[in-house]
Amino acid sequence: MIQLKYSDEKSHKFYTLLIQQDLFGKWSLLRQWGKIGTKGQVQIDTFDSYEEARAVQEKLVKEKRRKGYMGPVAI
């Protein structure tokens, strides 16, 4: 699991990414984001391989870091 955080004077947000395999052998990338202290929103994308899911995860981490999110913190 990778967790990113963003804080400034106006907002405190989180962005979490988790890759896991489902019962059918597919790989899911779970994304959760929102204001710190809330449950936030969740999106799940499914991939045929771990490598595909990992590539999307890395792309999202880079995008968030460019926007000022701190991390990643691997959990």
PDB file of N, CA and C in Angstrom:
ATOM      1  N   MET A   1       0.842  -1.168   0.000  1.00  0.00           N
ATOM      2  CA  MET A   1       0.000   0.000   0.000  1.00  0.00           C
ATOM      3  C   MET A   1       0.892   1.238   0.000  1.00  0.00           C
ATOM      4  N   ILE A   2       0.494   2.205  -0.786  1.00  0.00           N
ATOM      5  CA  ILE A   2       1.216   3.473  -0.854  1.00  0.00           C
ATOM      6  C   ILE A   2       0.260   4.569  -0.414  1.00  0.00           C
ATOM      7  N   GLN A   3       0.725   5.419   0.471  1.00  0.00           N
ATOM      8  CA  GLN A   3      -0.105   6.521   0.946  1.00  0.00           C
ATOM      9  C   GLN A   3       0.618   7.840   0.710  1.00  0.00           C
ATOM     10  N   LEU A   4      -0.096   8.771   0.068  1.00  0.00           N
ATOM     11  CA  LEU A   4       0.410  10.112  -0.192  1.00  0.00           C
ATOM     12  C   LEU A   4      -0.440  11.105   0.589  1.00  0.00           C
ATOM     13  N   LYS A   5       0.171  12.209   0.995  1.00  0.00           N
ATOM     14  CA  LYS A   5      -0.567  13.239   1.729  1.00  0.00           C
ATOM     15  C   LYS A   5      -0.243  14.612   1.160  1.00  0.00           C
ATOM     16  N   TYR A   6      -1.248  15.478   1.214  1.00  0.00           N
ATOM     17  CA  TYR A   6      -1.086  16.856   0.762  1.00  0.00           C
ATOM     18  C   TYR A   6      -1.663  17.775   1.832  1.00  0.00           C
ATOM     19  N   SER A   7      -0.894  18.758   2.222  1.00  0.00           N
ATOM     20  CA  SER A   7      -1.375  19.735   3.200  1.00  0.00           C
ATOM     21  C   SER A   7      -0.905  21.127   2.811  1.00  0.00           C
ATOM     22  N   ASP A   8      -1.819  22.067   2.897  1.00  0.00           N
ATOM     23  CA  ASP A   8      -1.479  23.480   2.799  1.00  0.00           C
ATOM     24  C   ASP A   8      -2.407  24.233   3.752  1.00  0.00           C
ATOM     25  N   GLU A   9      -2.461  25.549   3.649  1.00  0.00           N
ATOM     26  CA  GLU A   9      -3.275  26.339   4.568  1.00  0.00           C
ATOM     27  C   GLU A   9      -4.762  26.027   4.437  1.00  0.00           C
ATOM     28  N   LYS A  10      -5.189  25.601   3.255  1.00  0.00           N
ATOM     29  CA  LYS A  10      -6.613  25.421   2.982  1.00  0.00           C
ATOM     30  C   LYS A  10      -7.086  23.975   2.998  1.00  0.00           C
ATOM     31  N   SER A  11      -6.207  23.016   2.793  1.00  0.00           N
ATOM     32  CA  SER A  11      -6.676  21.630   2.687  1.00  0.00           C
ATOM     33  C   SER A  11      -5.651  20.632   3.213  1.00  0.00           C
ATOM     34  N   HIS A  12      -6.190  19.491   3.614  1.00  0.00           N
ATOM     35  CA  HIS A  12      -5.379  18.373   4.090  1.00  0.00           C
ATOM     36  C   HIS A  12      -5.990  17.120   3.465  1.00  0.00           C
ATOM     37  N   LYS A  13      -5.298  16.552   2.467  1.00  0.00           N
ATOM     38  CA  LYS A  13      -5.856  15.450   1.694  1.00  0.00           C
ATOM     39  C   LYS A  13      -4.945  14.225   1.735  1.00  0.00           C
ATOM     40  N   PHE A  14      -5.532  13.065   1.429  1.00  0.00           N
ATOM     41  CA  PHE A  14      -4.775  11.827   1.324  1.00  0.00           C
ATOM     42  C   PHE A  14      -5.097  11.147  -0.002  1.00  0.00           C
ATOM     43  N   TYR A  15      -4.200  10.271  -0.432  1.00  0.00           N
ATOM     44  CA  TYR A  15      -4.383   9.478  -1.647  1.00  0.00           C
ATOM     45  C   TYR A  15      -3.696   8.147  -1.389  1.00  0.00           C
ATOM     46  N   THR A  16      -4.461   7.060  -1.394  1.00  0.00           N
ATOM     47  CA  THR A  16      -3.939   5.734  -1.077  1.00  0.00           C
ATOM     48  C   THR A  16      -4.106   4.817  -2.276  1.00  0.00           C
ATOM     49  N   LEU A  17      -3.082   3.996  -2.547  1.00  0.00           N
ATOM     50  CA  LEU A  17      -3.113   3.037  -3.649  1.00  0.00           C
ATOM     51  C   LEU A  17      -2.751   1.655  -3.122  1.00  0.00           C
ATOM     52  N   LEU A  18      -3.519   0.651  -3.541  1.00  0.00           N
ATOM     53  CA  LEU A  18      -3.281  -0.721  -3.111  1.00  0.00           C
ATOM     54  C   LEU A  18      -3.504  -1.656  -4.288  1.00  0.00           C
ATOM     55  N   ILE A  19      -2.539  -2.525  -4.559  1.00  0.00           N
ATOM     56  CA  ILE A  19      -2.682  -3.546  -5.599  1.00  0.00           C
ATOM     57  C   ILE A  19      -2.941  -4.873  -4.906  1.00  0.00           C
ATOM     58  N   GLN A  20      -3.965  -5.593  -5.392  1.00  0.00           N
ATOM     59  CA  GLN A  20      -4.250  -6.914  -4.840  1.00  0.00           C
ATOM     60  C   GLN A  20      -4.845  -7.804  -5.921  1.00  0.00           C
ATOM     61  N   GLN A  21      -4.665  -9.098  -5.753  1.00  0.00           N
ATOM     62  CA  GLN A  21      -5.183 -10.070  -6.713  1.00  0.00           C
ATOM     63  C   GLN A  21      -6.546 -10.555  -6.236  1.00  0.00           C
ATOM     64  N   ASP A  22      -7.485 -10.696  -7.182  1.00  0.00           N
ATOM     65  CA  ASP A  22      -8.808 -11.185  -6.804  1.00  0.00           C
ATOM     66  C   ASP A  22      -8.884 -12.710  -6.923  1.00  0.00           C
ATOM     67  N   LEU A  23     -10.034 -13.272  -6.630  1.00  0.00           N
ATOM     68  CA  LEU A  23     -10.211 -14.729  -6.629  1.00  0.00           C
ATOM     69  C   LEU A  23     -10.126 -15.349  -8.019  1.00  0.00           C
ATOM     70  N   PHE A  24     -10.230 -14.535  -9.055  1.00  0.00           N
ATOM     71  CA  PHE A  24     -10.211 -15.031 -10.426  1.00  0.00           C
ATOM     72  C   PHE A  24      -8.863 -14.836 -11.107  1.00  0.00           C
ATOM     73  N   GLY A  25      -7.871 -14.382 -10.365  1.00  0.00           N
ATOM     74  CA  GLY A  25      -6.534 -14.205 -10.907  1.00  0.00           C
ATOM     75  C   GLY A  25      -6.273 -12.845 -11.525  1.00  0.00           C
ATOM     76  N   LYS A  26      -7.272 -11.978 -11.536  1.00  0.00           N
ATOM     77  CA  LYS A  26      -7.081 -10.617 -12.046  1.00  0.00           C
ATOM     78  C   LYS A  26      -6.451  -9.766 -10.951  1.00  0.00           C
ATOM     79  N   TRP A  27      -5.891  -8.641 -11.354  1.00  0.00           N
ATOM     80  CA  TRP A  27      -5.249  -7.725 -10.407  1.00  0.00           C
ATOM     81  C   TRP A  27      -6.058  -6.444 -10.320  1.00  0.00           C
ATOM     82  N   SER A  28      -6.283  -5.977  -9.113  1.00  0.00           N
ATOM     83  CA  SER A  28      -7.053  -4.758  -8.884  1.00  0.00           C
ATOM     84  C   SER A  28      -6.161  -3.679  -8.292  1.00  0.00           C
ATOM     85  N   LEU A  29      -6.363  -2.465  -8.778  1.00  0.00           N
ATOM     86  CA  LEU A  29      -5.719  -1.293  -8.198  1.00  0.00           C
ATOM     87  C   LEU A  29      -6.817  -0.501  -7.508  1.00  0.00           C
ATOM     88  N   LEU A  30      -6.750  -0.473  -6.184  1.00  0.00           N
ATOM     89  CA  LEU A  30      -7.724   0.251  -5.389  1.00  0.00           C
ATOM     90  C   LEU A  30      -7.160   1.628  -5.090  1.00  0.00           C
ATOM     91  N   ARG A  31      -7.950   2.654  -5.399  1.00  0.00           N
ATOM     92  CA  ARG A  31      -7.555   4.036  -5.109  1.00  0.00           C
ATOM     93  C   ARG A  31      -8.562   4.621  -4.136  1.00  0.00           C
ATOM     94  N   GLN A  32      -8.062   5.246  -3.096  1.00  0.00           N
ATOM     95  CA  GLN A  32      -8.927   5.924  -2.138  1.00  0.00           C
ATOM     96  C   GLN A  32      -8.354   7.315  -1.912  1.00  0.00           C
ATOM     97  N   TRP A  33      -9.229   8.327  -1.939  1.00  0.00           N
ATOM     98  CA  TRP A  33      -8.750   9.693  -1.770  1.00  0.00           C
ATOM     99  C   TRP A  33      -9.822  10.536  -1.095  1.00  0.00           C
ATOM    100  N   GLY A  34      -9.363  11.618  -0.483  1.00  0.00           N
ATOM    101  CA  GLY A  34     -10.294  12.539   0.148  1.00  0.00           C
ATOM    102  C   GLY A  34      -9.600  13.406   1.175  1.00  0.00           C
ATOM    103  N   LYS A  35     -10.411  14.088   1.969  1.00  0.00           N
ATOM    104  CA  LYS A  35      -9.875  14.921   3.037  1.00  0.00           C
ATOM    105  C   LYS A  35      -9.452  14.027   4.194  1.00  0.00           C
ATOM    106  N   ILE A  36      -8.324  14.358   4.815  1.00  0.00           N
ATOM    107  CA  ILE A  36      -7.858  13.597   5.968  1.00  0.00           C
ATOM    108  C   ILE A  36      -8.927  13.677   7.055  1.00  0.00           C
ATOM    109  N   GLY A  37      -9.246  12.523   7.636  1.00  0.00           N
ATOM    110  CA  GLY A  37     -10.284  12.440   8.654  1.00  0.00           C
ATOM    111  C   GLY A  37     -11.617  11.946   8.129  1.00  0.00           C
ATOM    112  N   THR A  38     -11.710  11.754   6.784  1.00  0.00           N
ATOM    113  CA  THR A  38     -12.927  11.212   6.184  1.00  0.00           C
ATOM    114  C   THR A  38     -12.613   9.871   5.542  1.00  0.00           C
ATOM    115  N   LYS A  39     -13.662   9.131   5.147  1.00  0.00           N
ATOM    116  CA  LYS A  39     -13.469   7.871   4.428  1.00  0.00           C
ATOM    117  C   LYS A  39     -13.019   8.126   2.996  1.00  0.00           C
ATOM    118  N   GLY A  40     -13.418   9.244   2.444  1.00  0.00           N
ATOM    119  CA  GLY A  40     -13.046   9.584   1.079  1.00  0.00           C
ATOM    120  C   GLY A  40     -13.829   8.786   0.060  1.00  0.00           C
ATOM    121  N   GLN A  41     -13.338   8.806  -1.152  1.00  0.00           N
ATOM    122  CA  GLN A  41     -13.947   8.082  -2.263  1.00  0.00           C
ATOM    123  C   GLN A  41     -13.055   6.916  -2.639  1.00  0.00           C
ATOM    124  N   VAL A  42     -13.654   5.913  -3.299  1.00  0.00           N
ATOM    125  CA  VAL A  42     -12.907   4.721  -3.700  1.00  0.00           C
ATOM    126  C   VAL A  42     -13.173   4.431  -5.169  1.00  0.00           C
ATOM    127  N   GLN A  43     -12.118   4.043  -5.875  1.00  0.00           N
ATOM    128  CA  GLN A  43     -12.232   3.577  -7.255  1.00  0.00           C
ATOM    129  C   GLN A  43     -11.388   2.325  -7.387  1.00  0.00           C
ATOM    130  N   ILE A  44     -11.923   1.305  -8.067  1.00  0.00           N
ATOM    131  CA  ILE A  44     -11.185   0.062  -8.285  1.00  0.00           C
ATOM    132  C   ILE A  44     -11.084  -0.176  -9.785  1.00  0.00           C
ATOM    133  N   ASP A  45      -9.861  -0.355 -10.276  1.00  0.00           N
ATOM    134  CA  ASP A  45      -9.606  -0.683 -11.677  1.00  0.00           C
ATOM    135  C   ASP A  45      -9.021  -2.087 -11.724  1.00  0.00           C
ATOM    136  N   THR A  46      -9.422  -2.875 -12.727  1.00  0.00           N
ATOM    137  CA  THR A  46      -8.980  -4.260 -12.841  1.00  0.00           C
ATOM    138  C   THR A  46      -8.043  -4.421 -14.035  1.00  0.00           C
ATOM    139  N   PHE A  47      -6.991  -5.234 -13.847  1.00  0.00           N
ATOM    140  CA  PHE A  47      -5.973  -5.462 -14.872  1.00  0.00           C
ATOM    141  C   PHE A  47      -5.715  -6.960 -15.019  1.00  0.00           C
ATOM    142  N   ASP A  48      -5.221  -7.350 -16.194  1.00  0.00           N
ATOM    143  CA  ASP A  48      -4.899  -8.754 -16.442  1.00  0.00           C
ATOM    144  C   ASP A  48      -3.608  -9.188 -15.773  1.00  0.00           C
ATOM    145  N   SER A  49      -2.695  -8.250 -15.537  1.00  0.00           N
ATOM    146  CA  SER A  49      -1.406  -8.625 -14.943  1.00  0.00           C
ATOM    147  C   SER A  49      -1.009  -7.641 -13.845  1.00  0.00           C
ATOM    148  N   TYR A  50      -0.151  -8.129 -12.962  1.00  0.00           N
ATOM    149  CA  TYR A  50       0.396  -7.286 -11.900  1.00  0.00           C
ATOM    150  C   TYR A  50       1.190  -6.136 -12.506  1.00  0.00           C
ATOM    151  N   GLU A  51       1.929  -6.423 -13.565  1.00  0.00           N
ATOM    152  CA  GLU A  51       2.777  -5.408 -14.190  1.00  0.00           C
ATOM    153  C   GLU A  51       1.952  -4.227 -14.705  1.00  0.00           C
ATOM    154  N   GLU A  52       0.781  -4.524 -15.296  1.00  0.00           N
ATOM    155  CA  GLU A  52      -0.093  -3.447 -15.775  1.00  0.00           C
ATOM    156  C   GLU A  52      -0.580  -2.583 -14.610  1.00  0.00           C
ATOM    157  N   ALA A  53      -1.016  -3.238 -13.545  1.00  0.00           N
ATOM    158  CA  ALA A  53      -1.502  -2.508 -12.369  1.00  0.00           C
ATOM    159  C   ALA A  53      -0.386  -1.670 -11.764  1.00  0.00           C
ATOM    160  N   ARG A  54       0.798  -2.225 -11.685  1.00  0.00           N
ATOM    161  CA  ARG A  54       1.945  -1.530 -11.094  1.00  0.00           C
ATOM    162  C   ARG A  54       2.327  -0.304 -11.930  1.00  0.00           C
ATOM    163  N   ALA A  55       2.269  -0.439 -13.269  1.00  0.00           N
ATOM    164  CA  ALA A  55       2.604   0.685 -14.149  1.00  0.00           C
ATOM    165  C   ALA A  55       1.632   1.847 -13.935  1.00  0.00           C
ATOM    166  N   VAL A  56       0.355   1.550 -13.812  1.00  0.00           N
ATOM    167  CA  VAL A  56      -0.640   2.599 -13.572  1.00  0.00           C
ATOM    168  C   VAL A  56      -0.423   3.211 -12.190  1.00  0.00           C
ATOM    169  N   GLN A  57      -0.121   2.370 -11.202  1.00  0.00           N
ATOM    170  CA  GLN A  57       0.147   2.866  -9.851  1.00  0.00           C
ATOM    171  C   GLN A  57       1.325   3.843  -9.859  1.00  0.00           C
ATOM    172  N   GLU A  58       2.400   3.482 -10.519  1.00  0.00           N
ATOM    173  CA  GLU A  58       3.578   4.353 -10.584  1.00  0.00           C
ATOM    174  C   GLU A  58       3.256   5.675 -11.273  1.00  0.00           C
ATOM    175  N   LYS A  59       2.467   5.620 -12.345  1.00  0.00           N
ATOM    176  CA  LYS A  59       2.072   6.833 -13.062  1.00  0.00           C
ATOM    177  C   LYS A  59       1.259   7.757 -12.150  1.00  0.00           C
ATOM    178  N   LEU A  60       0.319   7.181 -11.407  1.00  0.00           N
ATOM    179  CA  LEU A  60      -0.507   7.981 -10.503  1.00  0.00           C
ATOM    180  C   LEU A  60       0.323   8.609  -9.388  1.00  0.00           C
ATOM    181  N   VAL A  61       1.284   7.866  -8.852  1.00  0.00           N
ATOM    182  CA  VAL A  61       2.153   8.407  -7.800  1.00  0.00           C
ATOM    183  C   VAL A  61       2.937   9.601  -8.338  1.00  0.00           C
ATOM    184  N   LYS A  62       3.483   9.479  -9.541  1.00  0.00           N
ATOM    185  CA  LYS A  62       4.235  10.587 -10.140  1.00  0.00           C
ATOM    186  C   LYS A  62       3.355  11.817 -10.336  1.00  0.00           C
ATOM    187  N   GLU A  63       2.115  11.597 -10.827  1.00  0.00           N
ATOM    188  CA  GLU A  63       1.195  12.716 -11.036  1.00  0.00           C
ATOM    189  C   GLU A  63       0.881  13.429  -9.728  1.00  0.00           C
ATOM    190  N   LYS A  64       0.617  12.666  -8.694  1.00  0.00           N
ATOM    191  CA  LYS A  64       0.279  13.265  -7.399  1.00  0.00           C
ATOM    192  C   LYS A  64       1.477  13.993  -6.798  1.00  0.00           C
ATOM    193  N   ARG A  65       2.659  13.445  -6.940  1.00  0.00           N
ATOM    194  CA  ARG A  65       3.860  14.114  -6.415  1.00  0.00           C
ATOM    195  C   ARG A  65       4.081  15.445  -7.133  1.00  0.00           C
ATOM    196  N   ARG A  66       3.814  15.492  -8.440  1.00  0.00           N
ATOM    197  CA  ARG A  66       3.932  16.744  -9.193  1.00  0.00           C
ATOM    198  C   ARG A  66       2.949  17.797  -8.678  1.00  0.00           C
ATOM    199  N   LYS A  67       1.815  17.338  -8.152  1.00  0.00           N
ATOM    200  CA  LYS A  67       0.801  18.257  -7.624  1.00  0.00           C
ATOM    201  C   LYS A  67       1.063  18.646  -6.172  1.00  0.00           C
ATOM    202  N   GLY A  68       2.160  18.141  -5.601  1.00  0.00           N
ATOM    203  CA  GLY A  68       2.518  18.558  -4.255  1.00  0.00           C
ATOM    204  C   GLY A  68       2.275  17.547  -3.157  1.00  0.00           C
ATOM    205  N   TYR A  69       1.781  16.376  -3.508  1.00  0.00           N
ATOM    206  CA  TYR A  69       1.573  15.337  -2.498  1.00  0.00           C
ATOM    207  C   TYR A  69       2.923  14.828  -2.018  1.00  0.00           C
ATOM    208  N   MET A  70       3.015  14.553  -0.730  1.00  0.00           N
ATOM    209  CA  MET A  70       4.246  14.044  -0.130  1.00  0.00           C
ATOM    210  C   MET A  70       4.158  12.526  -0.045  1.00  0.00           C
ATOM    211  N   GLY A  71       5.278  11.886  -0.204  1.00  0.00           N
ATOM    212  CA  GLY A  71       5.331  10.425  -0.161  1.00  0.00           C
ATOM    213  C   GLY A  71       6.047   9.957  -1.399  1.00  0.00           C
ATOM    214  N   PRO A  72       5.933   8.735  -1.764  1.00  0.00           N
ATOM    215  CA  PRO A  72       5.022   7.780  -1.145  1.00  0.00           C
ATOM    216  C   PRO A  72       5.570   7.213   0.159  1.00  0.00           C
ATOM    217  N   VAL A  73       4.638   6.854   1.004  1.00  0.00           N
ATOM    218  CA  VAL A  73       4.963   6.133   2.226  1.00  0.00           C
ATOM    219  C   VAL A  73       4.421   4.729   2.036  1.00  0.00           C
ATOM    220  N   ALA A  74       5.296   3.741   1.930  1.00  0.00           N
ATOM    221  CA  ALA A  74       4.854   2.355   1.758  1.00  0.00           C
ATOM    222  C   ALA A  74       4.382   1.821   3.098  1.00  0.00           C
ATOM    223  N   ILE A  75       3.193   1.222   3.087  1.00  0.00           N
ATOM    224  CA  ILE A  75       2.629   0.669   4.324  1.00  0.00           C
ATOM    225  C   ILE A  75       2.456  -0.827   4.160  1.00  0.00           C
TER     226      ILE A  75
END
